[in-house]
Amino acid sequence: MIAATTKKESRTAARFRLSWRSLVPFWLLLPSLIFLAVLQLYPVIYSLYISLHRLRAGQYMPVGFRNFERLFADTNFYEGLAVSFRFVGISLVLTIGIGMLVAVLLNQRSQFNALYMVLMFVPWVVSDVVAGTIWRWLFQQDYGIIQNMIQPLTGSTSLYAKPDGALLIVILATVWRGLPFTSLLFLGALQNVSTEVIESAALDGANRWKTFFRVTLPIIRPTLIVAVILTTIAGLNSVGVILTLTGNIPATQTVSVYLYEQGWQFGDFGLGAAISVVMFFINLGLTLVYLRFQRQD
């Protein structure tokens, strides 16, 4: 009887030690989880809280969903959504397409790859304000290098003066800014593709185009989805480059710029918080769509 009780107690102690050891990674990650919760989860909850209140010029009172009613009744919000989707859609296609092309070229292992990598990462290390200032100078009417080159096409009118031209400049600056990041992601994915798979496809008679689209691209598809998600979120939340390049003009007023205008220029923090909540659900919805597409593939 005593032996059976002792054996049962030893099994209980063994289970306790096993359960405690399984919790060790959690306790080690707990400080980081708390830090991330404070920096990411708390602002989201606080923005949702502010969106249900009137917070403007010292006024602070609960208003329920009135800020959302004002937002959805504002035509400027829908115009900002249209500009945002145009801006994000075009810049996404260009950033992903050119980034993939640059990654394929860098994957050829040329002796100048180190120099190319240094030059390519120059846009990534500069700030949004610096990037916007550089591109604004390039398209200045009097001394802009690119503006002088395209002068025969645009005439005496600056590209800034045309609504589509101003948005085009913002798109070009955004693509230039995000190209190093996508190129690095794709380059890392391409370097992990086994050469044996490529050689097997070549032995089966596939040329380079078929090998890339039918073999390489399906292998690196998870990285492609991640790049699309991050590029989309960055485009929807972009403010610095747009404000530095064109200011707050209707042609380039995206939803994020509209949020900046309402929250920081007009001081209507309740409406600004409501816009941020809507943007959060837009980002979340697009991310879930991308992930759903990846699972289906």
C-alpha atoms as a PDB file:
ATOM      1  CA  MET A   1       0.000   0.000   0.000  1.00  0.00           C
ATOM      2  CA  ILE A   2       2.761   2.380   0.936  1.00  0.00           C
ATOM      3  CA  ALA A   3       4.684   1.466  -2.227  1.00  0.00           C
ATOM      4  CA  ALA A   4       1.634   2.173  -4.411  1.00  0.00           C
ATOM      5  CA  THR A   5       1.080   5.544  -2.722  1.00  0.00           C
ATOM      6  CA  THR A   6       4.739   6.480  -3.174  1.00  0.00           C
ATOM      7  CA  LYS A   7       4.600   5.494  -6.850  1.00  0.00           C
ATOM      8  CA  LYS A   8       1.474   7.597  -7.375  1.00  0.00           C
ATOM      9  CA  GLU A   9       3.088  10.600  -5.687  1.00  0.00           C
ATOM     10  CA  SER A  10       6.175  10.250  -7.894  1.00  0.00           C
ATOM     11  CA  ARG A  11       3.999  10.207 -11.018  1.00  0.00           C
ATOM     12  CA  THR A  12       2.207  13.340  -9.811  1.00  0.00           C
ATOM     13  CA  ALA A  13       5.528  15.055  -9.152  1.00  0.00           C
ATOM     14  CA  ALA A  14       6.781  14.051 -12.609  1.00  0.00           C
ATOM     15  CA  ARG A  15       3.654  15.514 -14.238  1.00  0.00           C
ATOM     16  CA  PHE A  16       4.114  18.733 -12.239  1.00  0.00           C
ATOM     17  CA  ARG A  17       7.749  19.048 -13.332  1.00  0.00           C
ATOM     18  CA  LEU A  18       6.753  18.377 -16.954  1.00  0.00           C
ATOM     19  CA  SER A  19       3.975  20.972 -16.873  1.00  0.00           C
ATOM     20  CA  TRP A  20       6.325  23.494 -15.252  1.00  0.00           C
ATOM     21  CA  ARG A  21       8.973  22.902 -17.902  1.00  0.00           C
ATOM     22  CA  SER A  22       6.381  23.385 -20.645  1.00  0.00           C
ATOM     23  CA  LEU A  23       5.584  26.817 -19.167  1.00  0.00           C
ATOM     24  CA  VAL A  24       9.202  27.962 -19.123  1.00  0.00           C
ATOM     25  CA  PRO A  25       9.097  29.361 -22.707  1.00  0.00           C
ATOM     26  CA  PHE A  26       5.938  31.291 -21.819  1.00  0.00           C
ATOM     27  CA  TRP A  27       7.547  32.881 -18.766  1.00  0.00           C
ATOM     28  CA  LEU A  28      10.621  33.782 -20.799  1.00  0.00           C
ATOM     29  CA  LEU A  29       8.442  35.425 -23.463  1.00  0.00           C
ATOM     30  CA  LEU A  30       6.156  37.142 -20.961  1.00  0.00           C
ATOM     31  CA  PRO A  31       8.167  40.433 -20.716  1.00  0.00           C
ATOM     32  CA  SER A  32       8.195  40.758 -24.493  1.00  0.00           C
ATOM     33  CA  LEU A  33       4.480  39.942 -24.711  1.00  0.00           C
ATOM     34  CA  ILE A  34       3.672  42.593 -22.114  1.00  0.00           C
ATOM     35  CA  PHE A  35       5.841  45.110 -23.968  1.00  0.00           C
ATOM     36  CA  LEU A  36       4.095  44.363 -27.278  1.00  0.00           C
ATOM     37  CA  ALA A  37       0.670  44.534 -25.652  1.00  0.00           C
ATOM     38  CA  VAL A  38       1.430  47.974 -24.204  1.00  0.00           C
ATOM     39  CA  LEU A  39       2.795  49.306 -27.504  1.00  0.00           C
ATOM     40  CA  GLN A  40       0.268  47.733 -29.903  1.00  0.00           C
ATOM     41  CA  LEU A  41      -2.850  46.472 -28.167  1.00  0.00           C
ATOM     42  CA  TYR A  42      -3.353  49.438 -25.836  1.00  0.00           C
ATOM     43  CA  PRO A  43      -3.324  52.102 -28.615  1.00  0.00           C
ATOM     44  CA  VAL A  44      -5.932  50.121 -30.570  1.00  0.00           C
ATOM     45  CA  ILE A  45      -8.239  49.867 -27.556  1.00  0.00           C
ATOM     46  CA  TYR A  46      -7.673  53.523 -26.636  1.00  0.00           C
ATOM     47  CA  SER A  47      -8.410  54.655 -30.207  1.00  0.00           C
ATOM     48  CA  LEU A  48     -11.671  52.727 -30.113  1.00  0.00           C
ATOM     49  CA  TYR A  49     -12.483  54.386 -26.794  1.00  0.00           C
ATOM     50  CA  ILE A  50     -11.727  57.889 -28.116  1.00  0.00           C
ATOM     51  CA  SER A  51     -13.799  57.275 -31.241  1.00  0.00           C
ATOM     52  CA  LEU A  52     -16.882  57.017 -29.012  1.00  0.00           C
ATOM     53  CA  HIS A  53     -16.225  60.430 -27.431  1.00  0.00           C
ATOM     54  CA  ARG A  54     -16.076  64.043 -28.503  1.00  0.00           C
ATOM     55  CA  LEU A  55     -12.533  65.229 -27.880  1.00  0.00           C
ATOM     56  CA  ARG A  56     -11.939  68.646 -29.382  1.00  0.00           C
ATOM     57  CA  ALA A  57     -10.762  72.020 -28.032  1.00  0.00           C
ATOM     58  CA  GLY A  58     -10.968  70.916 -24.413  1.00  0.00           C
ATOM     59  CA  GLN A  59     -14.353  69.233 -24.858  1.00  0.00           C
ATOM     60  CA  TYR A  60     -14.612  65.658 -23.668  1.00  0.00           C
ATOM     61  CA  MET A  61     -17.949  63.900 -23.627  1.00  0.00           C
ATOM     62  CA  PRO A  62     -19.317  60.498 -24.745  1.00  0.00           C
ATOM     63  CA  VAL A  63     -21.200  60.646 -28.051  1.00  0.00           C
ATOM     64  CA  GLY A  64     -21.599  56.967 -28.908  1.00  0.00           C
ATOM     65  CA  PHE A  65     -21.336  56.221 -32.615  1.00  0.00           C
ATOM     66  CA  ARG A  66     -21.921  59.828 -33.675  1.00  0.00           C
ATOM     67  CA  ASN A  67     -18.339  60.200 -34.907  1.00  0.00           C
ATOM     68  CA  PHE A  68     -18.831  57.228 -37.226  1.00  0.00           C
ATOM     69  CA  GLU A  69     -22.118  58.715 -38.462  1.00  0.00           C
ATOM     70  CA  ARG A  70     -20.325  61.967 -39.279  1.00  0.00           C
ATOM     71  CA  LEU A  71     -17.544  60.042 -40.995  1.00  0.00           C
ATOM     72  CA  PHE A  72     -19.810  57.932 -43.206  1.00  0.00           C
ATOM     73  CA  ALA A  73     -21.815  61.028 -44.158  1.00  0.00           C
ATOM     74  CA  ASP A  74     -18.688  62.928 -45.266  1.00  0.00           C
ATOM     75  CA  THR A  75     -18.003  62.806 -49.011  1.00  0.00           C
ATOM     76  CA  ASN A  76     -14.338  63.651 -48.390  1.00  0.00           C
ATOM     77  CA  PHE A  77     -13.931  60.298 -46.667  1.00  0.00           C
ATOM     78  CA  TYR A  78     -15.170  58.368 -49.711  1.00  0.00           C
ATOM     79  CA  GLU A  79     -13.008  60.464 -52.017  1.00  0.00           C
ATOM     80  CA  GLY A  80     -10.040  59.653 -49.771  1.00  0.00           C
ATOM     81  CA  LEU A  81     -10.897  55.950 -49.995  1.00  0.00           C
ATOM     82  CA  ALA A  82     -10.953  56.138 -53.793  1.00  0.00           C
ATOM     83  CA  VAL A  83      -7.582  57.893 -53.878  1.00  0.00           C
ATOM     84  CA  SER A  84      -6.169  55.394 -51.370  1.00  0.00           C
ATOM     85  CA  PHE A  85      -7.195  52.360 -53.417  1.00  0.00           C
ATOM     86  CA  ARG A  86      -5.798  53.881 -56.611  1.00  0.00           C
ATOM     87  CA  PHE A  87      -2.577  54.810 -54.877  1.00  0.00           C
ATOM     88  CA  VAL A  88      -2.147  51.455 -53.114  1.00  0.00           C
ATOM     89  CA  GLY A  89      -3.168  49.373 -56.140  1.00  0.00           C
ATOM     90  CA  ILE A  90      -0.751  50.983 -58.599  1.00  0.00           C
ATOM     91  CA  SER A  91       2.152  51.247 -56.158  1.00  0.00           C
ATOM     92  CA  LEU A  92       1.600  47.630 -55.046  1.00  0.00           C
ATOM     93  CA  VAL A  93       1.808  46.258 -58.593  1.00  0.00           C
ATOM     94  CA  LEU A  94       4.915  48.308 -59.377  1.00  0.00           C
ATOM     95  CA  THR A  95       6.683  47.576 -56.087  1.00  0.00           C
ATOM     96  CA  ILE A  96       6.051  43.826 -56.238  1.00  0.00           C
ATOM     97  CA  GLY A  97       6.797  43.524 -59.965  1.00  0.00           C
ATOM     98  CA  ILE A  98       9.980  45.588 -60.010  1.00  0.00           C
ATOM     99  CA  GLY A  99      11.101  44.101 -56.692  1.00  0.00           C
ATOM    100  CA  MET A 100      10.781  40.591 -58.104  1.00  0.00           C
ATOM    101  CA  LEU A 101      12.718  41.613 -61.226  1.00  0.00           C
ATOM    102  CA  VAL A 102      15.520  43.159 -59.150  1.00  0.00           C
ATOM    103  CA  ALA A 103      15.677  40.064 -56.930  1.00  0.00           C
ATOM    104  CA  VAL A 104      15.950  37.756 -59.946  1.00  0.00           C
ATOM    105  CA  LEU A 105      18.781  39.877 -61.365  1.00  0.00           C
ATOM    106  CA  LEU A 106      20.629  39.978 -58.030  1.00  0.00           C
ATOM    107  CA  ASN A 107      20.210  36.222 -57.699  1.00  0.00           C
ATOM    108  CA  GLN A 108      22.506  35.759 -60.724  1.00  0.00           C
ATOM    109  CA  ARG A 109      25.488  36.218 -58.342  1.00  0.00           C
ATOM    110  CA  SER A 110      27.401  38.870 -60.260  1.00  0.00           C
ATOM    111  CA  GLN A 111      30.668  40.231 -58.918  1.00  0.00           C
ATOM    112  CA  PHE A 112      29.017  43.651 -58.576  1.00  0.00           C
ATOM    113  CA  ASN A 113      26.166  42.402 -56.402  1.00  0.00           C
ATOM    114  CA  ALA A 114      27.644  43.999 -53.279  1.00  0.00           C
ATOM    115  CA  LEU A 115      27.724  47.413 -54.970  1.00  0.00           C
ATOM    116  CA  TYR A 116      24.205  46.944 -56.304  1.00  0.00           C
ATOM    117  CA  MET A 117      22.945  46.043 -52.838  1.00  0.00           C
ATOM    118  CA  VAL A 118      24.474  49.170 -51.307  1.00  0.00           C
ATOM    119  CA  LEU A 119      22.976  51.422 -53.978  1.00  0.00           C
ATOM    120  CA  MET A 120      19.617  49.701 -53.755  1.00  0.00           C
ATOM    121  CA  PHE A 121      19.316  50.220 -50.003  1.00  0.00           C
ATOM    122  CA  VAL A 122      19.883  53.971 -50.124  1.00  0.00           C
ATOM    123  CA  PRO A 123      16.105  54.681 -50.377  1.00  0.00           C
ATOM    124  CA  TRP A 124      15.415  52.366 -47.446  1.00  0.00           C
ATOM    125  CA  VAL A 125      17.684  54.173 -44.975  1.00  0.00           C
ATOM    126  CA  VAL A 126      16.360  57.686 -45.633  1.00  0.00           C
ATOM    127  CA  SER A 127      13.286  58.981 -43.841  1.00  0.00           C
ATOM    128  CA  ASP A 128       9.924  59.712 -45.443  1.00  0.00           C
ATOM    129  CA  VAL A 129      10.516  63.450 -45.185  1.00  0.00           C
ATOM    130  CA  VAL A 130      13.889  63.214 -46.906  1.00  0.00           C
ATOM    131  CA  ALA A 131      12.489  60.963 -49.624  1.00  0.00           C
ATOM    132  CA  GLY A 132       9.574  63.317 -50.235  1.00  0.00           C
ATOM    133  CA  THR A 133      11.879  66.336 -50.381  1.00  0.00           C
ATOM    134  CA  ILE A 134      14.165  64.651 -52.908  1.00  0.00           C
ATOM    135  CA  TRP A 135      11.300  63.787 -55.226  1.00  0.00           C
ATOM    136  CA  ARG A 136       9.787  67.254 -54.854  1.00  0.00           C
ATOM    137  CA  TRP A 137      13.061  68.767 -56.026  1.00  0.00           C
ATOM    138  CA  LEU A 138      13.216  66.381 -58.990  1.00  0.00           C
ATOM    139  CA  PHE A 139       9.870  67.684 -60.269  1.00  0.00           C
ATOM    140  CA  GLN A 140      10.297  71.386 -59.518  1.00  0.00           C
ATOM    141  CA  GLN A 141       9.158  73.616 -62.373  1.00  0.00           C
ATOM    142  CA  ASP A 142      12.383  75.639 -62.688  1.00  0.00           C
ATOM    143  CA  TYR A 143      15.252  73.344 -61.743  1.00  0.00           C
ATOM    144  CA  GLY A 144      13.801  69.839 -61.433  1.00  0.00           C
ATOM    145  CA  ILE A 145      15.903  67.320 -63.366  1.00  0.00           C
ATOM    146  CA  ILE A 146      13.045  64.972 -64.226  1.00  0.00           C
ATOM    147  CA  GLN A 147      10.663  67.867 -64.883  1.00  0.00           C
ATOM    148  CA  ASN A 148      13.087  69.324 -67.430  1.00  0.00           C
ATOM    149  CA  MET A 149      13.405  65.912 -69.102  1.00  0.00           C
ATOM    150  CA  ILE A 150       9.645  65.500 -69.509  1.00  0.00           C
ATOM    151  CA  GLN A 151       9.042  69.163 -70.386  1.00  0.00           C
ATOM    152  CA  PRO A 152       8.283  68.341 -74.069  1.00  0.00           C
ATOM    153  CA  LEU A 153       5.501  65.995 -72.914  1.00  0.00           C
ATOM    154  CA  THR A 154       3.927  68.191 -70.225  1.00  0.00           C
ATOM    155  CA  GLY A 155       4.493  71.562 -71.867  1.00  0.00           C
ATOM    156  CA  SER A 156       5.003  74.603 -69.675  1.00  0.00           C
ATOM    157  CA  THR A 157       2.734  73.175 -66.981  1.00  0.00           C
ATOM    158  CA  SER A 158       4.438  71.363 -64.141  1.00  0.00           C
ATOM    159  CA  LEU A 159       3.444  67.782 -63.452  1.00  0.00           C
ATOM    160  CA  TYR A 160       2.463  68.926 -59.965  1.00  0.00           C
ATOM    161  CA  ALA A 161      -0.294  71.114 -61.420  1.00  0.00           C
ATOM    162  CA  LYS A 162      -2.091  68.095 -62.896  1.00  0.00           C
ATOM    163  CA  PRO A 163      -4.132  65.932 -60.470  1.00  0.00           C
ATOM    164  CA  ASP A 164      -3.049  62.662 -62.043  1.00  0.00           C
ATOM    165  CA  GLY A 165       0.523  63.963 -62.267  1.00  0.00           C
ATOM    166  CA  ALA A 166       0.689  64.745 -58.544  1.00  0.00           C
ATOM    167  CA  LEU A 167      -0.588  61.268 -57.688  1.00  0.00           C
ATOM    168  CA  LEU A 168       1.898  59.751 -60.138  1.00  0.00           C
ATOM    169  CA  ILE A 169       4.788  61.517 -58.394  1.00  0.00           C
ATOM    170  CA  VAL A 170       3.622  60.189 -55.022  1.00  0.00           C
ATOM    171  CA  ILE A 171       3.375  56.663 -56.461  1.00  0.00           C
ATOM    172  CA  LEU A 172       6.879  56.848 -57.951  1.00  0.00           C
ATOM    173  CA  ALA A 173       8.339  58.071 -54.655  1.00  0.00           C
ATOM    174  CA  THR A 174       6.526  55.319 -52.736  1.00  0.00           C
ATOM    175  CA  VAL A 175       7.761  52.613 -55.116  1.00  0.00           C
ATOM    176  CA  TRP A 176      11.310  53.971 -54.904  1.00  0.00           C
ATOM    177  CA  ARG A 177      11.032  53.962 -51.100  1.00  0.00           C
ATOM    178  CA  GLY A 178       9.659  50.418 -50.721  1.00  0.00           C
ATOM    179  CA  LEU A 179      11.584  48.680 -53.485  1.00  0.00           C
ATOM    180  CA  PRO A 180      14.605  47.659 -51.339  1.00  0.00           C
ATOM    181  CA  PHE A 181      12.403  45.884 -48.798  1.00  0.00           C
ATOM    182  CA  THR A 182      10.505  43.755 -51.314  1.00  0.00           C
ATOM    183  CA  SER A 183      13.683  43.026 -53.281  1.00  0.00           C
ATOM    184  CA  LEU A 184      15.396  41.769 -50.122  1.00  0.00           C
ATOM    185  CA  LEU A 185      12.443  39.513 -49.255  1.00  0.00           C
ATOM    186  CA  PHE A 186      12.310  38.025 -52.742  1.00  0.00           C
ATOM    187  CA  LEU A 187      16.084  37.625 -52.942  1.00  0.00           C
ATOM    188  CA  GLY A 188      16.136  35.656 -49.698  1.00  0.00           C
ATOM    189  CA  ALA A 189      13.307  33.440 -50.944  1.00  0.00           C
ATOM    190  CA  LEU A 190      14.977  32.844 -54.322  1.00  0.00           C
ATOM    191  CA  GLN A 191      18.246  31.860 -52.684  1.00  0.00           C
ATOM    192  CA  ASN A 192      16.414  29.188 -50.693  1.00  0.00           C
ATOM    193  CA  VAL A 193      15.015  27.537 -53.829  1.00  0.00           C
ATOM    194  CA  SER A 194      16.876  24.291 -54.414  1.00  0.00           C
ATOM    195  CA  THR A 195      18.986  24.205 -57.562  1.00  0.00           C
ATOM    196  CA  GLU A 196      18.055  20.557 -58.000  1.00  0.00           C
ATOM    197  CA  VAL A 197      14.432  21.556 -58.567  1.00  0.00           C
ATOM    198  CA  ILE A 198      15.463  24.091 -61.215  1.00  0.00           C
ATOM    199  CA  GLU A 199      17.729  21.556 -62.907  1.00  0.00           C
ATOM    200  CA  SER A 200      14.950  18.940 -62.908  1.00  0.00           C
ATOM    201  CA  ALA A 201      12.594  21.413 -64.582  1.00  0.00           C
ATOM    202  CA  ALA A 202      15.259  22.169 -67.204  1.00  0.00           C
ATOM    203  CA  LEU A 203      15.741  18.452 -67.887  1.00  0.00           C
ATOM    204  CA  ASP A 204      11.995  18.137 -68.422  1.00  0.00           C
ATOM    205  CA  GLY A 205      12.227  20.716 -71.191  1.00  0.00           C
ATOM    206  CA  ALA A 206      11.001  23.826 -69.355  1.00  0.00           C
ATOM    207  CA  ASN A 207      12.549  27.119 -70.439  1.00  0.00           C
ATOM    208  CA  ARG A 208      13.377  29.960 -68.032  1.00  0.00           C
ATOM    209  CA  TRP A 209       9.928  31.534 -68.176  1.00  0.00           C
ATOM    210  CA  LYS A 210       8.104  28.273 -67.492  1.00  0.00           C
ATOM    211  CA  THR A 211      10.575  27.368 -64.764  1.00  0.00           C
ATOM    212  CA  PHE A 212      10.045  30.690 -63.017  1.00  0.00           C
ATOM    213  CA  PHE A 213       6.245  30.853 -63.230  1.00  0.00           C
ATOM    214  CA  ARG A 214       5.511  27.158 -62.716  1.00  0.00           C
ATOM    215  CA  VAL A 215       8.297  26.100 -60.352  1.00  0.00           C
ATOM    216  CA  THR A 216      10.030  29.019 -58.653  1.00  0.00           C
ATOM    217  CA  LEU A 217       7.030  31.291 -58.115  1.00  0.00           C
ATOM    218  CA  PRO A 218       4.859  28.623 -56.421  1.00  0.00           C
ATOM    219  CA  ILE A 219       7.746  27.807 -54.071  1.00  0.00           C
ATOM    220  CA  ILE A 220       8.239  31.442 -52.985  1.00  0.00           C
ATOM    221  CA  ARG A 221       4.490  32.201 -52.886  1.00  0.00           C
ATOM    222  CA  PRO A 222       4.379  32.498 -49.050  1.00  0.00           C
ATOM    223  CA  THR A 223       7.053  35.201 -49.197  1.00  0.00           C
ATOM    224  CA  LEU A 224       5.138  36.883 -52.015  1.00  0.00           C
ATOM    225  CA  ILE A 225       1.967  36.985 -49.900  1.00  0.00           C
ATOM    226  CA  VAL A 226       3.883  38.481 -46.966  1.00  0.00           C
ATOM    227  CA  ALA A 227       5.374  41.163 -49.222  1.00  0.00           C
ATOM    228  CA  VAL A 228       1.935  41.994 -50.627  1.00  0.00           C
ATOM    229  CA  ILE A 229       0.424  42.298 -47.130  1.00  0.00           C
ATOM    230  CA  LEU A 230       3.200  44.514 -45.769  1.00  0.00           C
ATOM    231  CA  THR A 231       3.296  46.703 -48.887  1.00  0.00           C
ATOM    232  CA  THR A 232      -0.476  47.164 -48.801  1.00  0.00           C
ATOM    233  CA  ILE A 233      -0.501  48.130 -45.123  1.00  0.00           C
ATOM    234  CA  ALA A 234       2.413  50.526 -45.600  1.00  0.00           C
ATOM    235  CA  GLY A 235       0.667  52.172 -48.552  1.00  0.00           C
ATOM    236  CA  LEU A 236      -2.639  52.622 -46.732  1.00  0.00           C
ATOM    237  CA  ASN A 237      -0.883  54.158 -43.712  1.00  0.00           C
ATOM    238  CA  SER A 238       1.523  56.354 -45.682  1.00  0.00           C
ATOM    239  CA  VAL A 239       1.491  59.998 -44.603  1.00  0.00           C
ATOM    240  CA  GLY A 240       5.022  61.447 -44.513  1.00  0.00           C
ATOM    241  CA  VAL A 241       5.906  61.055 -48.190  1.00  0.00           C
ATOM    242  CA  ILE A 242       2.541  62.396 -49.360  1.00  0.00           C
ATOM    243  CA  LEU A 243       2.539  65.470 -47.140  1.00  0.00           C
ATOM    244  CA  THR A 244       6.163  66.280 -47.944  1.00  0.00           C
ATOM    245  CA  LEU A 245       5.653  65.891 -51.685  1.00  0.00           C
ATOM    246  CA  THR A 246       2.307  67.502 -52.397  1.00  0.00           C
ATOM    247  CA  GLY A 247       0.888  68.706 -49.101  1.00  0.00           C
ATOM    248  CA  ASN A 248      -2.789  68.217 -48.397  1.00  0.00           C
ATOM    249  CA  ILE A 249      -4.285  68.594 -51.881  1.00  0.00           C
ATOM    250  CA  PRO A 250      -7.447  66.730 -52.970  1.00  0.00           C
ATOM    251  CA  ALA A 251      -5.633  64.772 -55.699  1.00  0.00           C
ATOM    252  CA  THR A 252      -3.398  63.018 -53.157  1.00  0.00           C
ATOM    253  CA  GLN A 253      -5.562  63.104 -50.031  1.00  0.00           C
ATOM    254  CA  THR A 254      -5.686  59.471 -48.991  1.00  0.00           C
ATOM    255  CA  VAL A 255      -7.563  58.222 -45.947  1.00  0.00           C
ATOM    256  CA  SER A 256      -4.416  58.427 -43.817  1.00  0.00           C
ATOM    257  CA  VAL A 257      -3.851  62.059 -44.873  1.00  0.00           C
ATOM    258  CA  TYR A 258      -7.514  62.771 -44.170  1.00  0.00           C
ATOM    259  CA  LEU A 259      -7.003  61.327 -40.674  1.00  0.00           C
ATOM    260  CA  TYR A 260      -4.001  63.607 -40.171  1.00  0.00           C
ATOM    261  CA  GLU A 261      -6.027  66.611 -41.310  1.00  0.00           C
ATOM    262  CA  GLN A 262      -8.989  65.942 -39.025  1.00  0.00           C
ATOM    263  CA  GLY A 263      -6.997  64.838 -36.001  1.00  0.00           C
ATOM    264  CA  TRP A 264      -3.954  67.093 -35.965  1.00  0.00           C
ATOM    265  CA  GLN A 265      -4.791  70.095 -38.109  1.00  0.00           C
ATOM    266  CA  PHE A 266      -8.407  70.576 -37.028  1.00  0.00           C
ATOM    267  CA  GLY A 267      -7.986  69.013 -33.577  1.00  0.00           C
ATOM    268  CA  ASP A 268     -11.019  66.734 -33.930  1.00  0.00           C
ATOM    269  CA  PHE A 269      -9.475  63.729 -32.205  1.00  0.00           C
ATOM    270  CA  GLY A 270     -12.763  61.871 -31.864  1.00  0.00           C
ATOM    271  CA  LEU A 271     -13.332  61.870 -35.623  1.00  0.00           C
ATOM    272  CA  GLY A 272      -9.659  61.093 -36.203  1.00  0.00           C
ATOM    273  CA  ALA A 273      -9.917  58.092 -33.901  1.00  0.00           C
ATOM    274  CA  ALA A 274     -13.014  56.919 -35.786  1.00  0.00           C
ATOM    275  CA  ILE A 275     -11.053  57.097 -39.053  1.00  0.00           C
ATOM    276  CA  SER A 276      -8.216  55.095 -37.483  1.00  0.00           C
ATOM    277  CA  VAL A 277     -10.675  52.399 -36.361  1.00  0.00           C
ATOM    278  CA  VAL A 278     -12.102  52.135 -39.884  1.00  0.00           C
ATOM    279  CA  MET A 279      -8.576  51.944 -41.313  1.00  0.00           C
ATOM    280  CA  PHE A 280      -7.735  49.210 -38.816  1.00  0.00           C
ATOM    281  CA  PHE A 281     -10.620  47.067 -40.050  1.00  0.00           C
ATOM    282  CA  ILE A 282      -9.718  47.778 -43.680  1.00  0.00           C
ATOM    283  CA  ASN A 283      -6.137  46.624 -43.044  1.00  0.00           C
ATOM    284  CA  LEU A 284      -7.406  43.598 -41.142  1.00  0.00           C
ATOM    285  CA  GLY A 285      -9.866  42.685 -43.888  1.00  0.00           C
ATOM    286  CA  LEU A 286      -7.276  42.921 -46.661  1.00  0.00           C
ATOM    287  CA  THR A 287      -4.828  40.844 -44.616  1.00  0.00           C
ATOM    288  CA  LEU A 288      -7.443  38.131 -44.045  1.00  0.00           C
ATOM    289  CA  VAL A 289      -8.252  38.099 -47.768  1.00  0.00           C
ATOM    290  CA  TYR A 290      -4.574  37.632 -48.649  1.00  0.00           C
ATOM    291  CA  LEU A 291      -4.165  34.867 -46.079  1.00  0.00           C
ATOM    292  CA  ARG A 292      -7.342  33.176 -47.289  1.00  0.00           C
ATOM    293  CA  PHE A 293      -5.995  33.277 -50.839  1.00  0.00           C
ATOM    294  CA  GLN A 294      -2.739  31.681 -49.660  1.00  0.00           C
ATOM    295  CA  ARG A 295      -4.557  28.862 -47.839  1.00  0.00           C
ATOM    296  CA  GLN A 296      -6.666  28.139 -50.907  1.00  0.00           C
ATOM    297  CA  ASP A 297      -3.537  27.919 -53.061  1.00  0.00           C
END
